[in-house]
Amino acid sequence: MLFAVTIEDRPGLAATRRAVRAKHVAWLDQHRAMLVIAGPIMDGEGNSTGSVRVIEAPDRAAVEALTEGDPFARVSINPYRIVFKDGAKAE
């Protein structure tokens, strides 16, 4: 099952995000089998303001366990379905 995870950074933590980016990417790498796609949401100046991940997991509880404890963000988890991928209809 796919889930769209939207993560909104809390204000004022851009420097903290930059400082822990290498550890964050390493953490994502450890969970890459679950990641369909992942990347930052950027503002007009190119600063990260959050991120979007599409995660494949057996259920919502597995996604909640994966995103639990993120001190920088508010997390929204919703079921997700791919309709178009790489320019082609996926359904």
N, C-alpha and C. Protein backbone atom coordinates (compact mmCIF):
# COMPACT_ATOMS: atom_id res chain seq x y z
N MET A 1 0.85 -1.17 0.00
CA MET A 1 0.00 0.00 0.00
C MET A 1 0.90 1.24 0.00
N LEU A 2 0.49 2.26 -0.75
CA LEU A 2 1.26 3.49 -0.81
C LEU A 2 0.67 4.56 0.11
N PHE A 3 1.56 5.38 0.67
CA PHE A 3 1.17 6.49 1.52
C PHE A 3 1.95 7.73 1.11
N ALA A 4 1.25 8.86 1.01
CA ALA A 4 1.91 10.15 0.80
C ALA A 4 2.16 10.76 2.16
N VAL A 5 3.41 11.10 2.42
CA VAL A 5 3.79 11.70 3.69
C VAL A 5 4.29 13.11 3.39
N THR A 6 3.59 14.09 3.93
CA THR A 6 3.98 15.49 3.77
C THR A 6 4.54 15.95 5.11
N ILE A 7 5.74 16.48 5.08
CA ILE A 7 6.42 16.90 6.30
C ILE A 7 6.70 18.39 6.19
N GLU A 8 6.13 19.15 7.11
CA GLU A 8 6.29 20.60 7.12
C GLU A 8 7.26 20.99 8.22
N ASP A 9 8.36 21.63 7.83
CA ASP A 9 9.35 22.05 8.83
C ASP A 9 8.75 23.09 9.76
N ARG A 10 9.12 23.01 11.01
CA ARG A 10 8.73 24.05 11.96
C ARG A 10 9.56 25.30 11.66
N PRO A 11 8.99 26.48 11.84
CA PRO A 11 9.73 27.72 11.55
C PRO A 11 11.01 27.84 12.37
N GLY A 12 12.03 28.43 11.75
CA GLY A 12 13.26 28.75 12.45
C GLY A 12 14.26 27.61 12.57
N LEU A 13 14.04 26.50 11.91
CA LEU A 13 14.94 25.37 12.06
C LEU A 13 15.74 25.05 10.81
N ALA A 14 15.83 26.01 9.89
CA ALA A 14 16.56 25.77 8.64
C ALA A 14 18.03 25.42 8.91
N ALA A 15 18.67 26.15 9.81
CA ALA A 15 20.08 25.88 10.10
C ALA A 15 20.25 24.48 10.72
N THR A 16 19.32 24.10 11.59
CA THR A 16 19.37 22.77 12.19
C THR A 16 19.20 21.70 11.13
N ARG A 17 18.27 21.91 10.21
CA ARG A 17 18.07 20.95 9.11
C ARG A 17 19.35 20.77 8.31
N ARG A 18 20.00 21.88 7.98
CA ARG A 18 21.25 21.80 7.21
C ARG A 18 22.32 21.05 8.00
N ALA A 19 22.37 21.26 9.30
CA ALA A 19 23.40 20.63 10.13
C ALA A 19 23.23 19.12 10.23
N VAL A 20 22.00 18.63 10.15
CA VAL A 20 21.77 17.19 10.30
C VAL A 20 21.45 16.50 8.97
N ARG A 21 21.63 17.21 7.85
CA ARG A 21 21.25 16.67 6.54
C ARG A 21 21.96 15.35 6.23
N ALA A 22 23.25 15.26 6.47
CA ALA A 22 23.99 14.03 6.15
C ALA A 22 23.43 12.84 6.94
N LYS A 23 23.13 13.03 8.22
CA LYS A 23 22.56 11.96 9.03
C LYS A 23 21.15 11.61 8.53
N HIS A 24 20.40 12.64 8.14
CA HIS A 24 19.04 12.43 7.64
C HIS A 24 19.07 11.60 6.35
N VAL A 25 19.95 11.94 5.43
CA VAL A 25 20.06 11.19 4.16
C VAL A 25 20.51 9.76 4.44
N ALA A 26 21.41 9.57 5.40
CA ALA A 26 21.84 8.22 5.77
C ALA A 26 20.67 7.43 6.35
N TRP A 27 19.83 8.08 7.15
CA TRP A 27 18.64 7.43 7.71
C TRP A 27 17.68 7.02 6.58
N LEU A 28 17.46 7.94 5.63
CA LEU A 28 16.61 7.61 4.47
C LEU A 28 17.18 6.42 3.71
N ASP A 29 18.49 6.40 3.55
CA ASP A 29 19.14 5.31 2.83
C ASP A 29 18.87 3.96 3.51
N GLN A 30 18.85 3.96 4.83
CA GLN A 30 18.58 2.72 5.58
C GLN A 30 17.16 2.22 5.33
N HIS A 31 16.25 3.13 4.97
CA HIS A 31 14.84 2.78 4.76
C HIS A 31 14.44 2.87 3.29
N ARG A 32 15.42 2.85 2.40
CA ARG A 32 15.15 3.07 0.98
C ARG A 32 14.23 2.03 0.36
N ALA A 33 14.17 0.83 0.91
CA ALA A 33 13.29 -0.20 0.37
C ALA A 33 11.82 0.22 0.46
N MET A 34 11.49 1.07 1.42
CA MET A 34 10.12 1.55 1.59
C MET A 34 9.83 2.82 0.79
N LEU A 35 10.88 3.51 0.33
CA LEU A 35 10.71 4.81 -0.32
C LEU A 35 10.47 4.65 -1.81
N VAL A 36 9.33 5.13 -2.27
CA VAL A 36 9.06 5.17 -3.70
C VAL A 36 9.70 6.43 -4.26
N ILE A 37 9.55 7.52 -3.52
CA ILE A 37 10.17 8.80 -3.88
C ILE A 37 10.28 9.64 -2.60
N ALA A 38 11.30 10.46 -2.53
CA ALA A 38 11.48 11.32 -1.36
C ALA A 38 12.32 12.53 -1.75
N GLY A 39 11.96 13.68 -1.23
CA GLY A 39 12.75 14.88 -1.50
C GLY A 39 12.17 16.09 -0.80
N PRO A 40 12.94 17.18 -0.78
CA PRO A 40 12.52 18.38 -0.07
C PRO A 40 11.52 19.22 -0.86
N ILE A 41 10.73 19.98 -0.11
CA ILE A 41 9.91 21.06 -0.65
C ILE A 41 10.74 22.32 -0.48
N MET A 42 10.86 23.12 -1.53
CA MET A 42 11.74 24.29 -1.49
C MET A 42 10.92 25.58 -1.55
N ASP A 43 11.47 26.63 -0.93
CA ASP A 43 10.87 27.96 -1.07
C ASP A 43 11.51 28.66 -2.27
N GLY A 44 11.14 29.91 -2.50
CA GLY A 44 11.63 30.67 -3.64
C GLY A 44 13.13 30.90 -3.64
N GLU A 45 13.75 30.83 -2.48
CA GLU A 45 15.21 31.04 -2.38
C GLU A 45 15.98 29.72 -2.38
N GLY A 46 15.29 28.61 -2.52
CA GLY A 46 15.97 27.31 -2.57
C GLY A 46 16.20 26.68 -1.21
N ASN A 47 15.56 27.20 -0.17
CA ASN A 47 15.68 26.62 1.17
C ASN A 47 14.60 25.56 1.38
N SER A 48 14.94 24.49 2.04
CA SER A 48 13.98 23.44 2.34
C SER A 48 12.96 23.95 3.35
N THR A 49 11.69 23.70 3.08
CA THR A 49 10.62 24.06 4.01
C THR A 49 9.87 22.83 4.50
N GLY A 50 10.33 21.67 4.06
CA GLY A 50 9.69 20.42 4.43
C GLY A 50 10.08 19.36 3.42
N SER A 51 9.29 18.31 3.33
CA SER A 51 9.57 17.27 2.35
C SER A 51 8.32 16.47 2.03
N VAL A 52 8.42 15.73 0.95
CA VAL A 52 7.36 14.83 0.52
C VAL A 52 7.99 13.47 0.31
N ARG A 53 7.32 12.46 0.81
CA ARG A 53 7.76 11.08 0.59
C ARG A 53 6.55 10.26 0.18
N VAL A 54 6.74 9.38 -0.75
CA VAL A 54 5.74 8.35 -1.03
C VAL A 54 6.36 7.06 -0.53
N ILE A 55 5.68 6.44 0.42
CA ILE A 55 6.21 5.27 1.11
C ILE A 55 5.33 4.06 0.82
N GLU A 56 5.96 2.94 0.52
CA GLU A 56 5.23 1.69 0.38
C GLU A 56 5.38 0.92 1.68
N ALA A 57 4.24 0.61 2.28
CA ALA A 57 4.24 -0.07 3.58
C ALA A 57 2.99 -0.93 3.69
N PRO A 58 3.01 -1.93 4.57
CA PRO A 58 1.84 -2.80 4.70
C PRO A 58 0.62 -2.09 5.27
N ASP A 59 0.84 -1.05 6.09
CA ASP A 59 -0.28 -0.34 6.70
C ASP A 59 0.19 1.01 7.24
N ARG A 60 -0.77 1.81 7.67
CA ARG A 60 -0.48 3.15 8.20
C ARG A 60 0.41 3.07 9.45
N ALA A 61 0.22 2.07 10.27
CA ALA A 61 1.02 1.94 11.50
C ALA A 61 2.51 1.84 11.18
N ALA A 62 2.87 1.15 10.11
CA ALA A 62 4.27 1.05 9.71
C ALA A 62 4.83 2.40 9.29
N VAL A 63 4.01 3.21 8.62
CA VAL A 63 4.44 4.55 8.21
C VAL A 63 4.56 5.45 9.43
N GLU A 64 3.62 5.35 10.33
CA GLU A 64 3.70 6.14 11.56
C GLU A 64 4.95 5.80 12.35
N ALA A 65 5.30 4.54 12.43
CA ALA A 65 6.52 4.13 13.14
C ALA A 65 7.75 4.71 12.46
N LEU A 66 7.73 4.75 11.13
CA LEU A 66 8.86 5.28 10.38
C LEU A 66 9.04 6.78 10.60
N THR A 67 7.94 7.52 10.70
CA THR A 67 8.01 8.98 10.80
C THR A 67 7.96 9.49 12.25
N GLU A 68 7.75 8.60 13.19
CA GLU A 68 7.62 8.98 14.59
C GLU A 68 8.87 9.67 15.12
N GLY A 69 8.65 10.69 15.91
CA GLY A 69 9.77 11.32 16.59
C GLY A 69 10.52 12.36 15.79
N ASP A 70 10.01 12.76 14.62
CA ASP A 70 10.70 13.81 13.86
C ASP A 70 10.53 15.12 14.62
N PRO A 71 11.60 15.67 15.18
CA PRO A 71 11.48 16.86 16.02
C PRO A 71 11.33 18.16 15.24
N PHE A 72 11.48 18.10 13.92
CA PHE A 72 11.51 19.32 13.14
C PHE A 72 10.21 19.62 12.41
N ALA A 73 9.25 18.72 12.44
CA ALA A 73 8.17 18.86 11.49
C ALA A 73 6.83 18.39 12.01
N ARG A 74 5.81 18.85 11.29
CA ARG A 74 4.46 18.30 11.44
C ARG A 74 4.28 17.32 10.28
N VAL A 75 3.80 16.15 10.58
CA VAL A 75 3.70 15.09 9.58
C VAL A 75 2.24 14.80 9.27
N SER A 76 1.93 14.68 7.99
CA SER A 76 0.61 14.28 7.52
C SER A 76 0.78 13.00 6.70
N ILE A 77 -0.02 11.97 7.00
CA ILE A 77 0.07 10.68 6.32
C ILE A 77 -1.29 10.38 5.70
N ASN A 78 -1.29 10.10 4.39
CA ASN A 78 -2.52 9.79 3.69
C ASN A 78 -2.29 8.66 2.69
N PRO A 79 -3.28 7.76 2.51
CA PRO A 79 -3.15 6.76 1.46
C PRO A 79 -2.95 7.45 0.11
N TYR A 80 -2.23 6.80 -0.79
CA TYR A 80 -1.84 7.41 -2.06
C TYR A 80 -1.97 6.40 -3.18
N ARG A 81 -2.34 6.87 -4.36
CA ARG A 81 -2.46 6.01 -5.53
C ARG A 81 -1.80 6.71 -6.71
N ILE A 82 -0.94 6.01 -7.44
CA ILE A 82 -0.27 6.56 -8.61
C ILE A 82 -1.21 6.42 -9.81
N VAL A 83 -1.49 7.54 -10.49
CA VAL A 83 -2.31 7.53 -11.69
C VAL A 83 -1.42 7.69 -12.92
N PHE A 84 -0.45 8.63 -12.86
CA PHE A 84 0.54 8.82 -13.92
C PHE A 84 1.93 8.68 -13.34
N LYS A 85 2.82 8.05 -14.09
CA LYS A 85 4.22 7.91 -13.67
C LYS A 85 5.09 7.95 -14.91
N ASP A 86 6.12 8.79 -14.88
CA ASP A 86 7.07 8.91 -15.96
C ASP A 86 6.39 9.17 -17.30
N GLY A 87 5.35 10.02 -17.26
CA GLY A 87 4.66 10.42 -18.48
C GLY A 87 3.66 9.41 -19.02
N ALA A 88 3.45 8.32 -18.31
CA ALA A 88 2.52 7.30 -18.77
C ALA A 88 1.44 7.05 -17.71
N LYS A 89 0.24 6.72 -18.19
CA LYS A 89 -0.83 6.39 -17.27
C LYS A 89 -0.50 5.07 -16.58
N ALA A 90 -0.59 5.05 -15.26
CA ALA A 90 -0.18 3.88 -14.49
C ALA A 90 -1.36 2.98 -14.11
N GLU A 91 -2.55 3.43 -14.34
CA GLU A 91 -3.73 2.62 -13.96
C GLU A 91 -4.19 1.75 -15.09
